Amino acid sequence: MVFCYAKQKNLPEKYKGQHGYGDVWTWVALDPDTKLVASWLVGGRGVEWASVFMRDLARRLKNRVQLTSDGHKAYLTAVEDAFVGEVDYATLIKLYGQESSEQRYSPAPVVGCQLAVINGNPDPRYISTSYIERQNLTMRMSMRRLTRLTNGFSKKVENLQYAVALHFMHYNFCRIHQTLRMTPAMKAGISTRLWEIDDIVELIEAN
């Protein structure tokens, strides 16, 4: 979660409840095998946004997949709506211990996990949110507007959307993943070459 224009608590009354002002969320779907980010969405946190995100993800997948999410309740309705039962889906909720006063900007220690099978027959060995949590760190490290305690936050949600799209385009097609020794797009078989920034610019100009 980041914020646009101003923090939620500091929003003028006329902007409260309007999308693009205050708290904004980035939804991300990652394939742990290829490290490809298959879908993302900058928006709100409600069921309607979850449904848009999951329908987009479902359209991009050729085969049945195993899916893991955290315990956010909006996922339950969204996954069923998008996949209509054709998915092996589980949730993983991490349980955290008490946060000390010295850990203001660090997460509290994980003391356990709750796993729940929601649909199909997911393999327990692959019920995990660790890869997407690492991807969230990559996002924050790669985009100044997403770092904590920054004054470089987006003033318009459109700018945030463009920045996130550019980041994931570069991540998928231009950046060689250290463990893969190729880009996620190449590993997934949707690209046969390493893209350059010029290739992205050409796409933008063509549109």
N, C-alpha and C. Protein backbone atom coordinates (compact mmCIF):
# COMPACT_ATOMS: atom_id res chain seq x y z
N MET A 1 0.84 -1.18 0.00
CA MET A 1 0.00 0.00 0.00
C MET A 1 0.88 1.24 0.00
N VAL A 2 0.52 2.23 -0.82
CA VAL A 2 1.15 3.54 -0.81
C VAL A 2 0.03 4.58 -0.79
N PHE A 3 0.39 5.84 -0.87
CA PHE A 3 -0.66 6.85 -0.93
C PHE A 3 -0.37 7.82 -2.07
N CYS A 4 -1.44 8.40 -2.59
CA CYS A 4 -1.35 9.41 -3.64
C CYS A 4 -1.91 10.73 -3.13
N TYR A 5 -1.36 11.80 -3.60
CA TYR A 5 -1.79 13.15 -3.27
C TYR A 5 -1.46 13.51 -1.82
N ALA A 6 -2.00 12.71 -0.88
CA ALA A 6 -1.72 12.94 0.54
C ALA A 6 -2.07 11.67 1.31
N LYS A 7 -1.58 11.57 2.52
CA LYS A 7 -1.96 10.45 3.37
C LYS A 7 -3.46 10.48 3.63
N GLN A 8 -4.03 9.30 3.85
CA GLN A 8 -5.47 9.18 4.02
C GLN A 8 -5.98 10.11 5.12
N LYS A 9 -5.25 10.19 6.21
CA LYS A 9 -5.71 11.00 7.35
C LYS A 9 -5.61 12.50 7.08
N ASN A 10 -4.84 12.89 6.05
CA ASN A 10 -4.65 14.30 5.76
C ASN A 10 -5.46 14.79 4.56
N LEU A 11 -6.31 13.93 4.00
CA LEU A 11 -7.07 14.30 2.81
C LEU A 11 -8.10 15.39 3.12
N PRO A 12 -8.21 16.37 2.23
CA PRO A 12 -9.33 17.31 2.35
C PRO A 12 -10.65 16.56 2.21
N GLU A 13 -11.68 17.07 2.81
CA GLU A 13 -12.97 16.39 2.83
C GLU A 13 -13.48 16.07 1.42
N LYS A 14 -13.24 16.97 0.45
CA LYS A 14 -13.78 16.77 -0.90
C LYS A 14 -13.15 15.59 -1.63
N TYR A 15 -11.97 15.12 -1.15
CA TYR A 15 -11.29 14.01 -1.83
C TYR A 15 -11.49 12.66 -1.14
N LYS A 16 -12.07 12.68 0.05
CA LYS A 16 -12.24 11.43 0.80
C LYS A 16 -13.24 10.52 0.08
N GLY A 17 -12.85 9.26 -0.08
CA GLY A 17 -13.70 8.30 -0.76
C GLY A 17 -13.52 8.24 -2.25
N GLN A 18 -12.70 9.15 -2.81
CA GLN A 18 -12.45 9.16 -4.25
C GLN A 18 -11.20 8.32 -4.56
N HIS A 19 -11.31 7.49 -5.61
CA HIS A 19 -10.15 6.70 -6.01
C HIS A 19 -9.02 7.60 -6.49
N GLY A 20 -7.81 7.26 -6.09
CA GLY A 20 -6.65 8.04 -6.50
C GLY A 20 -6.20 9.05 -5.48
N TYR A 21 -6.92 9.16 -4.38
CA TYR A 21 -6.55 10.07 -3.30
C TYR A 21 -6.44 9.28 -2.00
N GLY A 22 -5.30 9.43 -1.33
CA GLY A 22 -5.10 8.67 -0.10
C GLY A 22 -4.52 7.29 -0.39
N ASP A 23 -4.99 6.29 0.34
CA ASP A 23 -4.44 4.94 0.23
C ASP A 23 -4.72 4.33 -1.15
N VAL A 24 -3.67 3.79 -1.77
CA VAL A 24 -3.78 3.11 -3.06
C VAL A 24 -2.99 1.81 -2.97
N TRP A 25 -3.56 0.74 -3.57
CA TRP A 25 -2.96 -0.58 -3.46
C TRP A 25 -2.50 -1.07 -4.82
N THR A 26 -1.43 -1.84 -4.84
CA THR A 26 -0.97 -2.48 -6.06
C THR A 26 -1.14 -3.99 -5.91
N TRP A 27 -2.00 -4.56 -6.75
CA TRP A 27 -2.23 -6.00 -6.78
C TRP A 27 -1.23 -6.63 -7.75
N VAL A 28 -0.59 -7.72 -7.36
CA VAL A 28 0.45 -8.33 -8.19
C VAL A 28 0.29 -9.85 -8.17
N ALA A 29 0.38 -10.47 -9.36
CA ALA A 29 0.36 -11.93 -9.48
C ALA A 29 1.70 -12.38 -10.05
N LEU A 30 2.39 -13.26 -9.35
CA LEU A 30 3.73 -13.71 -9.72
C LEU A 30 3.77 -15.22 -9.89
N ASP A 31 4.41 -15.68 -10.98
CA ASP A 31 4.67 -17.10 -11.16
C ASP A 31 6.00 -17.43 -10.50
N PRO A 32 6.04 -18.26 -9.47
CA PRO A 32 7.29 -18.51 -8.75
C PRO A 32 8.32 -19.28 -9.56
N ASP A 33 7.90 -20.02 -10.59
CA ASP A 33 8.84 -20.80 -11.39
C ASP A 33 9.61 -19.93 -12.38
N THR A 34 8.91 -19.07 -13.09
CA THR A 34 9.56 -18.22 -14.09
C THR A 34 9.85 -16.82 -13.57
N LYS A 35 9.30 -16.48 -12.41
CA LYS A 35 9.39 -15.15 -11.81
C LYS A 35 8.65 -14.09 -12.63
N LEU A 36 7.84 -14.53 -13.58
CA LEU A 36 7.09 -13.60 -14.41
C LEU A 36 5.94 -12.99 -13.63
N VAL A 37 5.80 -11.67 -13.70
CA VAL A 37 4.63 -10.98 -13.15
C VAL A 37 3.57 -11.00 -14.24
N ALA A 38 2.56 -11.85 -14.06
CA ALA A 38 1.57 -12.08 -15.11
C ALA A 38 0.49 -11.01 -15.15
N SER A 39 0.25 -10.36 -14.03
CA SER A 39 -0.79 -9.34 -13.98
C SER A 39 -0.54 -8.42 -12.80
N TRP A 40 -0.95 -7.17 -12.96
CA TRP A 40 -0.89 -6.21 -11.85
C TRP A 40 -1.99 -5.18 -12.03
N LEU A 41 -2.34 -4.54 -10.94
CA LEU A 41 -3.40 -3.53 -10.98
C LEU A 41 -3.19 -2.53 -9.86
N VAL A 42 -3.25 -1.26 -10.19
CA VAL A 42 -3.19 -0.19 -9.19
C VAL A 42 -4.61 0.27 -8.93
N GLY A 43 -5.07 0.14 -7.70
CA GLY A 43 -6.45 0.51 -7.40
C GLY A 43 -6.77 0.47 -5.93
N GLY A 44 -8.03 0.23 -5.63
CA GLY A 44 -8.48 0.16 -4.25
C GLY A 44 -8.31 -1.23 -3.67
N ARG A 45 -8.86 -1.45 -2.50
CA ARG A 45 -8.65 -2.71 -1.78
C ARG A 45 -9.92 -3.55 -1.71
N GLY A 46 -11.01 -3.10 -2.32
CA GLY A 46 -12.29 -3.78 -2.19
C GLY A 46 -12.47 -4.94 -3.14
N VAL A 47 -13.63 -5.59 -3.02
CA VAL A 47 -13.95 -6.77 -3.83
C VAL A 47 -13.99 -6.43 -5.31
N GLU A 48 -14.50 -5.24 -5.67
CA GLU A 48 -14.60 -4.89 -7.08
C GLU A 48 -13.23 -4.82 -7.74
N TRP A 49 -12.24 -4.30 -7.02
CA TRP A 49 -10.88 -4.25 -7.55
C TRP A 49 -10.26 -5.64 -7.61
N ALA A 50 -10.51 -6.43 -6.59
CA ALA A 50 -10.00 -7.81 -6.57
C ALA A 50 -10.56 -8.60 -7.75
N SER A 51 -11.81 -8.39 -8.08
CA SER A 51 -12.45 -9.11 -9.18
C SER A 51 -11.86 -8.70 -10.53
N VAL A 52 -11.63 -7.40 -10.72
CA VAL A 52 -11.00 -6.94 -11.96
C VAL A 52 -9.62 -7.55 -12.11
N PHE A 53 -8.86 -7.57 -11.04
CA PHE A 53 -7.51 -8.12 -11.04
C PHE A 53 -7.52 -9.61 -11.36
N MET A 54 -8.37 -10.37 -10.69
CA MET A 54 -8.40 -11.82 -10.88
C MET A 54 -8.93 -12.21 -12.26
N ARG A 55 -9.90 -11.47 -12.77
CA ARG A 55 -10.39 -11.77 -14.12
C ARG A 55 -9.30 -11.54 -15.17
N ASP A 56 -8.52 -10.49 -14.97
CA ASP A 56 -7.42 -10.23 -15.88
C ASP A 56 -6.38 -11.34 -15.80
N LEU A 57 -6.07 -11.79 -14.59
CA LEU A 57 -5.11 -12.88 -14.42
C LEU A 57 -5.61 -14.15 -15.08
N ALA A 58 -6.86 -14.50 -14.86
CA ALA A 58 -7.42 -15.74 -15.42
C ALA A 58 -7.35 -15.74 -16.94
N ARG A 59 -7.57 -14.59 -17.57
CA ARG A 59 -7.52 -14.50 -19.03
C ARG A 59 -6.12 -14.71 -19.58
N ARG A 60 -5.12 -14.49 -18.77
CA ARG A 60 -3.74 -14.58 -19.22
C ARG A 60 -3.15 -15.98 -19.03
N LEU A 61 -3.86 -16.87 -18.38
CA LEU A 61 -3.33 -18.20 -18.08
C LEU A 61 -3.89 -19.23 -19.05
N LYS A 62 -3.00 -20.08 -19.55
CA LYS A 62 -3.40 -21.10 -20.51
C LYS A 62 -3.87 -22.37 -19.82
N ASN A 63 -3.25 -22.73 -18.70
CA ASN A 63 -3.54 -23.98 -18.01
C ASN A 63 -4.05 -23.72 -16.60
N ARG A 64 -4.59 -24.76 -16.00
CA ARG A 64 -5.01 -24.68 -14.59
C ARG A 64 -3.77 -24.46 -13.73
N VAL A 65 -3.90 -23.62 -12.73
CA VAL A 65 -2.76 -23.28 -11.89
C VAL A 65 -3.10 -23.51 -10.42
N GLN A 66 -2.04 -23.52 -9.61
CA GLN A 66 -2.21 -23.47 -8.17
C GLN A 66 -1.98 -22.04 -7.72
N LEU A 67 -2.88 -21.54 -6.90
CA LEU A 67 -2.87 -20.14 -6.50
C LEU A 67 -2.84 -20.04 -4.98
N THR A 68 -2.00 -19.14 -4.48
CA THR A 68 -1.97 -18.85 -3.04
C THR A 68 -2.14 -17.36 -2.84
N SER A 69 -2.98 -16.99 -1.90
CA SER A 69 -3.11 -15.58 -1.51
C SER A 69 -3.03 -15.49 0.00
N ASP A 70 -2.97 -14.26 0.49
CA ASP A 70 -3.07 -14.06 1.94
C ASP A 70 -4.54 -14.16 2.34
N GLY A 71 -4.88 -13.76 3.53
CA GLY A 71 -6.23 -13.94 4.02
C GLY A 71 -7.20 -12.82 3.72
N HIS A 72 -6.82 -11.92 2.84
CA HIS A 72 -7.72 -10.81 2.49
C HIS A 72 -9.03 -11.38 1.91
N LYS A 73 -10.15 -11.07 2.54
CA LYS A 73 -11.42 -11.71 2.19
C LYS A 73 -11.89 -11.41 0.77
N ALA A 74 -11.46 -10.30 0.22
CA ALA A 74 -11.89 -9.95 -1.14
C ALA A 74 -11.44 -11.00 -2.15
N TYR A 75 -10.36 -11.72 -1.87
CA TYR A 75 -9.87 -12.74 -2.79
C TYR A 75 -10.87 -13.89 -2.95
N LEU A 76 -11.57 -14.23 -1.90
CA LEU A 76 -12.46 -15.39 -1.95
C LEU A 76 -13.51 -15.26 -3.03
N THR A 77 -14.18 -14.13 -3.05
CA THR A 77 -15.19 -13.87 -4.07
C THR A 77 -14.56 -13.69 -5.44
N ALA A 78 -13.44 -12.97 -5.49
CA ALA A 78 -12.80 -12.64 -6.77
C ALA A 78 -12.27 -13.88 -7.48
N VAL A 79 -11.65 -14.79 -6.73
CA VAL A 79 -11.09 -16.00 -7.34
C VAL A 79 -12.20 -16.89 -7.89
N GLU A 80 -13.26 -17.05 -7.14
CA GLU A 80 -14.38 -17.86 -7.61
C GLU A 80 -15.03 -17.24 -8.84
N ASP A 81 -15.17 -15.94 -8.84
CA ASP A 81 -15.77 -15.24 -9.98
C ASP A 81 -14.92 -15.38 -11.24
N ALA A 82 -13.60 -15.32 -11.09
CA ALA A 82 -12.71 -15.33 -12.24
C ALA A 82 -12.43 -16.73 -12.77
N PHE A 83 -12.23 -17.68 -11.87
CA PHE A 83 -11.81 -19.02 -12.28
C PHE A 83 -12.94 -20.05 -12.32
N VAL A 84 -14.06 -19.72 -11.71
CA VAL A 84 -15.25 -20.59 -11.69
C VAL A 84 -14.86 -22.02 -11.29
N GLY A 85 -14.08 -22.13 -10.25
CA GLY A 85 -13.70 -23.44 -9.73
C GLY A 85 -12.53 -24.10 -10.40
N GLU A 86 -12.06 -23.56 -11.54
CA GLU A 86 -10.97 -24.18 -12.28
C GLU A 86 -9.61 -23.68 -11.80
N VAL A 87 -9.35 -23.88 -10.52
CA VAL A 87 -8.09 -23.46 -9.93
C VAL A 87 -7.89 -24.22 -8.62
N ASP A 88 -6.65 -24.51 -8.28
CA ASP A 88 -6.31 -25.10 -6.99
C ASP A 88 -5.85 -23.96 -6.09
N TYR A 89 -6.70 -23.59 -5.17
CA TYR A 89 -6.53 -22.33 -4.45
C TYR A 89 -6.46 -22.55 -2.94
N ALA A 90 -5.48 -21.91 -2.32
CA ALA A 90 -5.32 -21.96 -0.88
C ALA A 90 -4.93 -20.58 -0.36
N THR A 91 -5.20 -20.35 0.90
CA THR A 91 -4.76 -19.12 1.55
C THR A 91 -3.72 -19.44 2.61
N LEU A 92 -2.84 -18.49 2.82
CA LEU A 92 -1.82 -18.62 3.86
C LEU A 92 -1.80 -17.33 4.66
N ILE A 93 -2.07 -17.44 5.93
CA ILE A 93 -2.09 -16.29 6.83
C ILE A 93 -0.94 -16.43 7.81
N LYS A 94 -0.04 -15.46 7.80
CA LYS A 94 1.09 -15.49 8.72
C LYS A 94 0.69 -14.85 10.04
N LEU A 95 1.10 -15.48 11.11
CA LEU A 95 0.80 -15.00 12.46
C LEU A 95 2.06 -14.35 13.03
N TYR A 96 1.91 -13.13 13.49
CA TYR A 96 3.06 -12.36 13.94
C TYR A 96 3.06 -12.21 15.46
N GLY A 97 4.26 -12.17 16.02
CA GLY A 97 4.41 -11.95 17.44
C GLY A 97 4.29 -10.48 17.77
N GLN A 98 4.55 -10.16 19.00
CA GLN A 98 4.42 -8.77 19.44
C GLN A 98 5.56 -7.94 18.89
N GLU A 99 5.21 -6.78 18.36
CA GLU A 99 6.21 -5.87 17.79
C GLU A 99 6.81 -5.02 18.89
N SER A 100 8.14 -4.96 18.91
CA SER A 100 8.82 -4.15 19.92
C SER A 100 8.86 -2.70 19.47
N SER A 101 9.10 -1.81 20.41
CA SER A 101 9.16 -0.39 20.10
C SER A 101 10.35 -0.06 19.21
N GLU A 102 11.36 -0.94 19.18
CA GLU A 102 12.55 -0.70 18.36
C GLU A 102 12.35 -1.14 16.92
N GLN A 103 11.20 -1.76 16.60
CA GLN A 103 10.95 -2.27 15.27
C GLN A 103 9.84 -1.49 14.56
N ARG A 104 9.89 -0.19 14.68
CA ARG A 104 8.82 0.65 14.15
C ARG A 104 8.59 0.43 12.66
N TYR A 105 9.67 0.27 11.89
CA TYR A 105 9.55 0.13 10.45
C TYR A 105 9.93 -1.27 9.97
N SER A 106 9.98 -2.21 10.89
CA SER A 106 10.26 -3.59 10.54
C SER A 106 9.10 -4.46 11.00
N PRO A 107 8.78 -5.53 10.25
CA PRO A 107 7.67 -6.39 10.66
C PRO A 107 8.00 -7.14 11.95
N ALA A 108 6.96 -7.46 12.69
CA ALA A 108 7.13 -8.27 13.88
C ALA A 108 7.52 -9.70 13.46
N PRO A 109 8.14 -10.48 14.35
CA PRO A 109 8.57 -11.83 13.98
C PRO A 109 7.38 -12.75 13.69
N VAL A 110 7.53 -13.61 12.68
CA VAL A 110 6.50 -14.58 12.33
C VAL A 110 6.57 -15.74 13.32
N VAL A 111 5.44 -16.06 13.95
CA VAL A 111 5.42 -17.12 14.96
C VAL A 111 4.63 -18.34 14.48
N GLY A 112 4.01 -18.24 13.32
CA GLY A 112 3.26 -19.38 12.80
C GLY A 112 2.51 -19.02 11.53
N CYS A 113 1.90 -20.03 10.89
CA CYS A 113 1.13 -19.84 9.67
C CYS A 113 -0.15 -20.65 9.73
N GLN A 114 -1.21 -20.09 9.16
CA GLN A 114 -2.47 -20.80 9.02
C GLN A 114 -2.74 -21.04 7.55
N LEU A 115 -2.84 -22.33 7.16
CA LEU A 115 -3.12 -22.69 5.77
C LEU A 115 -4.56 -23.17 5.67
N ALA A 116 -5.22 -22.79 4.58
CA ALA A 116 -6.59 -23.23 4.35
C ALA A 116 -6.79 -23.50 2.87
N VAL A 117 -7.29 -24.71 2.55
CA VAL A 117 -7.61 -25.05 1.16
C VAL A 117 -9.00 -24.49 0.85
N ILE A 118 -9.08 -23.67 -0.18
CA ILE A 118 -10.34 -23.03 -0.54
C ILE A 118 -11.00 -23.75 -1.71
N ASN A 119 -10.20 -24.20 -2.67
CA ASN A 119 -10.77 -24.85 -3.85
C ASN A 119 -9.77 -25.83 -4.45
N GLY A 120 -10.28 -26.94 -4.99
CA GLY A 120 -9.44 -27.89 -5.69
C GLY A 120 -8.53 -28.67 -4.77
N ASN A 121 -7.33 -28.99 -5.29
CA ASN A 121 -6.40 -29.85 -4.56
C ASN A 121 -4.99 -29.26 -4.61
N PRO A 122 -4.76 -28.14 -3.96
CA PRO A 122 -3.42 -27.53 -3.99
C PRO A 122 -2.40 -28.38 -3.25
N ASP A 123 -1.20 -28.47 -3.81
CA ASP A 123 -0.11 -29.21 -3.17
C ASP A 123 0.41 -28.40 -1.98
N PRO A 124 0.37 -28.96 -0.79
CA PRO A 124 0.80 -28.20 0.40
C PRO A 124 2.23 -27.70 0.32
N ARG A 125 3.07 -28.40 -0.46
CA ARG A 125 4.47 -27.99 -0.57
C ARG A 125 4.62 -26.64 -1.26
N TYR A 126 3.63 -26.26 -2.05
CA TYR A 126 3.74 -25.03 -2.82
C TYR A 126 2.77 -23.95 -2.37
N ILE A 127 2.18 -24.13 -1.21
CA ILE A 127 1.32 -23.07 -0.65
C ILE A 127 2.25 -22.08 0.05
N SER A 128 2.48 -20.97 -0.60
CA SER A 128 3.47 -20.00 -0.10
C SER A 128 3.18 -18.61 -0.64
N THR A 129 3.49 -17.62 0.18
CA THR A 129 3.41 -16.23 -0.26
C THR A 129 4.80 -15.57 -0.22
N SER A 130 5.84 -16.37 -0.02
CA SER A 130 7.19 -15.82 0.14
C SER A 130 7.68 -15.13 -1.11
N TYR A 131 7.39 -15.71 -2.28
CA TYR A 131 7.89 -15.12 -3.52
C TYR A 131 7.25 -13.76 -3.79
N ILE A 132 5.96 -13.66 -3.55
CA ILE A 132 5.30 -12.38 -3.81
C ILE A 132 5.71 -11.34 -2.78
N GLU A 133 6.01 -11.77 -1.58
CA GLU A 133 6.50 -10.83 -0.57
C GLU A 133 7.87 -10.29 -0.97
N ARG A 134 8.70 -11.15 -1.54
CA ARG A 134 10.00 -10.69 -2.05
C ARG A 134 9.82 -9.74 -3.23
N GLN A 135 8.80 -10.03 -4.07
CA GLN A 135 8.52 -9.15 -5.20
C GLN A 135 8.06 -7.78 -4.71
N ASN A 136 7.30 -7.75 -3.62
CA ASN A 136 6.88 -6.47 -3.06
C ASN A 136 8.09 -5.64 -2.62
N LEU A 137 9.10 -6.33 -2.07
CA LEU A 137 10.32 -5.63 -1.68
C LEU A 137 11.04 -5.10 -2.91
N THR A 138 11.08 -5.90 -3.97
CA THR A 138 11.71 -5.45 -5.22
C THR A 138 11.03 -4.19 -5.75
N MET A 139 9.70 -4.16 -5.70
CA MET A 139 8.97 -2.97 -6.13
C MET A 139 9.38 -1.75 -5.32
N ARG A 140 9.41 -1.88 -4.02
CA ARG A 140 9.72 -0.74 -3.15
C ARG A 140 11.17 -0.28 -3.34
N MET A 141 12.06 -1.22 -3.62
CA MET A 141 13.47 -0.86 -3.82
C MET A 141 13.70 -0.24 -5.20
N SER A 142 12.83 -0.55 -6.15
CA SER A 142 13.04 -0.12 -7.53
C SER A 142 12.33 1.17 -7.89
N MET A 143 11.30 1.54 -7.14
CA MET A 143 10.53 2.74 -7.44
C MET A 143 10.54 3.69 -6.26
N ARG A 144 11.13 4.85 -6.46
CA ARG A 144 11.29 5.81 -5.38
C ARG A 144 9.95 6.18 -4.75
N ARG A 145 8.91 6.26 -5.56
CA ARG A 145 7.61 6.69 -5.04
C ARG A 145 6.97 5.64 -4.14
N LEU A 146 7.54 4.41 -4.10
CA LEU A 146 6.99 3.36 -3.24
C LEU A 146 7.80 3.15 -1.97
N THR A 147 8.96 3.81 -1.85
CA THR A 147 9.75 3.64 -0.64
C THR A 147 9.03 4.29 0.54
N ARG A 148 9.32 3.80 1.72
CA ARG A 148 8.67 4.33 2.92
C ARG A 148 9.31 5.67 3.33
N LEU A 149 8.52 6.53 3.93
CA LEU A 149 8.97 7.84 4.40
C LEU A 149 9.57 8.67 3.26
N THR A 150 8.97 8.59 2.09
CA THR A 150 9.48 9.33 0.94
C THR A 150 8.67 10.60 0.71
N ASN A 151 9.33 11.60 0.13
CA ASN A 151 8.61 12.78 -0.33
C ASN A 151 8.42 12.72 -1.85
N GLY A 152 8.77 11.56 -2.44
CA GLY A 152 8.63 11.38 -3.88
C GLY A 152 7.39 10.61 -4.26
N PHE A 153 6.39 10.57 -3.38
CA PHE A 153 5.16 9.83 -3.66
C PHE A 153 4.39 10.48 -4.81
N SER A 154 3.55 9.68 -5.46
CA SER A 154 2.79 10.17 -6.61
C SER A 154 1.74 11.18 -6.17
N LYS A 155 1.63 12.25 -6.91
CA LYS A 155 0.59 13.24 -6.62
C LYS A 155 -0.68 12.93 -7.41
N LYS A 156 -0.53 12.14 -8.50
CA LYS A 156 -1.68 11.70 -9.30
C LYS A 156 -1.61 10.19 -9.45
N VAL A 157 -2.76 9.53 -9.34
CA VAL A 157 -2.76 8.08 -9.43
C VAL A 157 -2.36 7.61 -10.82
N GLU A 158 -2.63 8.42 -11.85
CA GLU A 158 -2.21 8.04 -13.21
C GLU A 158 -0.70 7.92 -13.30
N ASN A 159 0.02 8.80 -12.63
CA ASN A 159 1.48 8.72 -12.64
C ASN A 159 1.97 7.45 -11.96
N LEU A 160 1.30 7.07 -10.87
CA LEU A 160 1.64 5.83 -10.19
C LEU A 160 1.38 4.63 -11.09
N GLN A 161 0.26 4.64 -11.79
CA GLN A 161 -0.07 3.54 -12.70
C GLN A 161 0.98 3.40 -13.80
N TYR A 162 1.41 4.53 -14.38
CA TYR A 162 2.43 4.50 -15.43
C TYR A 162 3.76 3.99 -14.87
N ALA A 163 4.11 4.43 -13.67
CA ALA A 163 5.39 4.02 -13.08
C ALA A 163 5.41 2.52 -12.81
N VAL A 164 4.30 2.00 -12.29
CA VAL A 164 4.22 0.57 -12.00
C VAL A 164 4.26 -0.25 -13.29
N ALA A 165 3.54 0.21 -14.32
CA ALA A 165 3.55 -0.48 -15.60
C ALA A 165 4.94 -0.50 -16.21
N LEU A 166 5.65 0.62 -16.15
CA LEU A 166 7.01 0.69 -16.69
C LEU A 166 7.94 -0.23 -15.91
N HIS A 167 7.77 -0.25 -14.58
CA HIS A 167 8.61 -1.12 -13.75
C HIS A 167 8.44 -2.58 -14.13
N PHE A 168 7.19 -3.03 -14.26
CA PHE A 168 6.97 -4.45 -14.53
C PHE A 168 7.31 -4.81 -15.98
N MET A 169 7.16 -3.89 -16.91
CA MET A 169 7.60 -4.15 -18.28
C MET A 169 9.10 -4.38 -18.29
N HIS A 170 9.83 -3.52 -17.61
CA HIS A 170 11.29 -3.67 -17.53
C HIS A 170 11.65 -4.95 -16.78
N TYR A 171 10.96 -5.22 -15.68
CA TYR A 171 11.25 -6.41 -14.88
C TYR A 171 11.03 -7.68 -15.69
N ASN A 172 9.94 -7.76 -16.43
CA ASN A 172 9.60 -8.98 -17.18
C ASN A 172 10.47 -9.19 -18.41
N PHE A 173 10.81 -8.10 -19.11
CA PHE A 173 11.42 -8.25 -20.44
C PHE A 173 12.87 -7.78 -20.55
N CYS A 174 13.29 -6.87 -19.68
CA CYS A 174 14.63 -6.26 -19.85
C CYS A 174 15.64 -6.67 -18.78
N ARG A 175 15.18 -7.08 -17.65
CA ARG A 175 16.08 -7.33 -16.53
C ARG A 175 16.38 -8.82 -16.40
N ILE A 176 17.64 -9.20 -16.48
CA ILE A 176 18.03 -10.60 -16.32
C ILE A 176 17.93 -10.98 -14.85
N HIS A 177 17.11 -11.99 -14.56
CA HIS A 177 16.94 -12.44 -13.18
C HIS A 177 18.18 -13.23 -12.75
N GLN A 178 18.68 -12.94 -11.58
CA GLN A 178 19.95 -13.51 -11.14
C GLN A 178 19.95 -15.04 -11.11
N THR A 179 18.88 -15.64 -10.62
CA THR A 179 18.83 -17.09 -10.52
C THR A 179 18.45 -17.77 -11.82
N LEU A 180 17.74 -17.05 -12.70
CA LEU A 180 17.32 -17.61 -13.98
C LEU A 180 18.38 -17.47 -15.07
N ARG A 181 19.20 -16.42 -14.95
CA ARG A 181 20.18 -16.06 -15.97
C ARG A 181 19.52 -15.70 -17.29
N MET A 182 18.31 -15.25 -17.22
CA MET A 182 17.54 -14.73 -18.35
C MET A 182 16.39 -13.93 -17.79
N THR A 183 15.62 -13.29 -18.64
CA THR A 183 14.48 -12.52 -18.14
C THR A 183 13.32 -13.46 -17.84
N PRO A 184 12.40 -13.06 -16.96
CA PRO A 184 11.20 -13.88 -16.72
C PRO A 184 10.41 -14.17 -17.99
N ALA A 185 10.33 -13.19 -18.89
CA ALA A 185 9.59 -13.40 -20.14
C ALA A 185 10.24 -14.48 -20.98
N MET A 186 11.55 -14.53 -21.01
CA MET A 186 12.26 -15.58 -21.76
C MET A 186 12.05 -16.94 -21.10
N LYS A 187 12.12 -16.96 -19.77
CA LYS A 187 11.91 -18.22 -19.05
C LYS A 187 10.50 -18.75 -19.27
N ALA A 188 9.52 -17.86 -19.37
CA ALA A 188 8.12 -18.26 -19.57
C ALA A 188 7.82 -18.60 -21.01
N GLY A 189 8.75 -18.33 -21.92
CA GLY A 189 8.56 -18.67 -23.32
C GLY A 189 7.74 -17.67 -24.10
N ILE A 190 7.57 -16.46 -23.58
CA ILE A 190 6.80 -15.45 -24.31
C ILE A 190 7.70 -14.43 -24.99
N SER A 191 9.00 -14.60 -24.82
CA SER A 191 9.98 -13.78 -25.53
C SER A 191 11.21 -14.63 -25.80
N THR A 192 11.83 -14.41 -26.96
CA THR A 192 13.03 -15.17 -27.32
C THR A 192 14.30 -14.36 -27.21
N ARG A 193 14.17 -13.11 -26.75
CA ARG A 193 15.34 -12.24 -26.70
C ARG A 193 15.28 -11.31 -25.50
N LEU A 194 16.41 -10.72 -25.23
CA LEU A 194 16.51 -9.71 -24.18
C LEU A 194 16.10 -8.36 -24.73
N TRP A 195 15.08 -7.76 -24.15
CA TRP A 195 14.61 -6.46 -24.62
C TRP A 195 15.51 -5.35 -24.09
N GLU A 196 15.51 -4.24 -24.82
CA GLU A 196 16.20 -3.02 -24.41
C GLU A 196 15.17 -1.94 -24.09
N ILE A 197 15.62 -0.88 -23.43
CA ILE A 197 14.74 0.24 -23.12
C ILE A 197 14.16 0.82 -24.40
N ASP A 198 14.96 0.84 -25.46
CA ASP A 198 14.48 1.37 -26.75
C ASP A 198 13.24 0.61 -27.24
N ASP A 199 13.20 -0.69 -26.97
CA ASP A 199 12.04 -1.49 -27.40
C ASP A 199 10.77 -1.04 -26.67
N ILE A 200 10.91 -0.72 -25.40
CA ILE A 200 9.76 -0.23 -24.63
C ILE A 200 9.30 1.13 -25.15
N VAL A 201 10.28 1.99 -25.44
CA VAL A 201 9.97 3.32 -25.97
C VAL A 201 9.23 3.20 -27.29
N GLU A 202 9.63 2.27 -28.13
CA GLU A 202 8.96 2.08 -29.42
C GLU A 202 7.52 1.64 -29.22
N LEU A 203 7.26 0.80 -28.24
CA LEU A 203 5.89 0.38 -27.93
C LEU A 203 5.03 1.57 -27.52
N ILE A 204 5.62 2.43 -26.67
CA ILE A 204 4.89 3.60 -26.21
C ILE A 204 4.58 4.54 -27.37
N GLU A 205 5.57 4.77 -28.21
CA GLU A 205 5.38 5.68 -29.35
C GLU A 205 4.36 5.11 -30.34
N ALA A 206 4.34 3.78 -30.48
CA ALA A 206 3.39 3.16 -31.41
C ALA A 206 1.95 3.32 -30.94
N ASN A 207 1.77 3.50 -29.65
CA ASN A 207 0.42 3.66 -29.10
C ASN A 207 0.04 5.11 -28.88
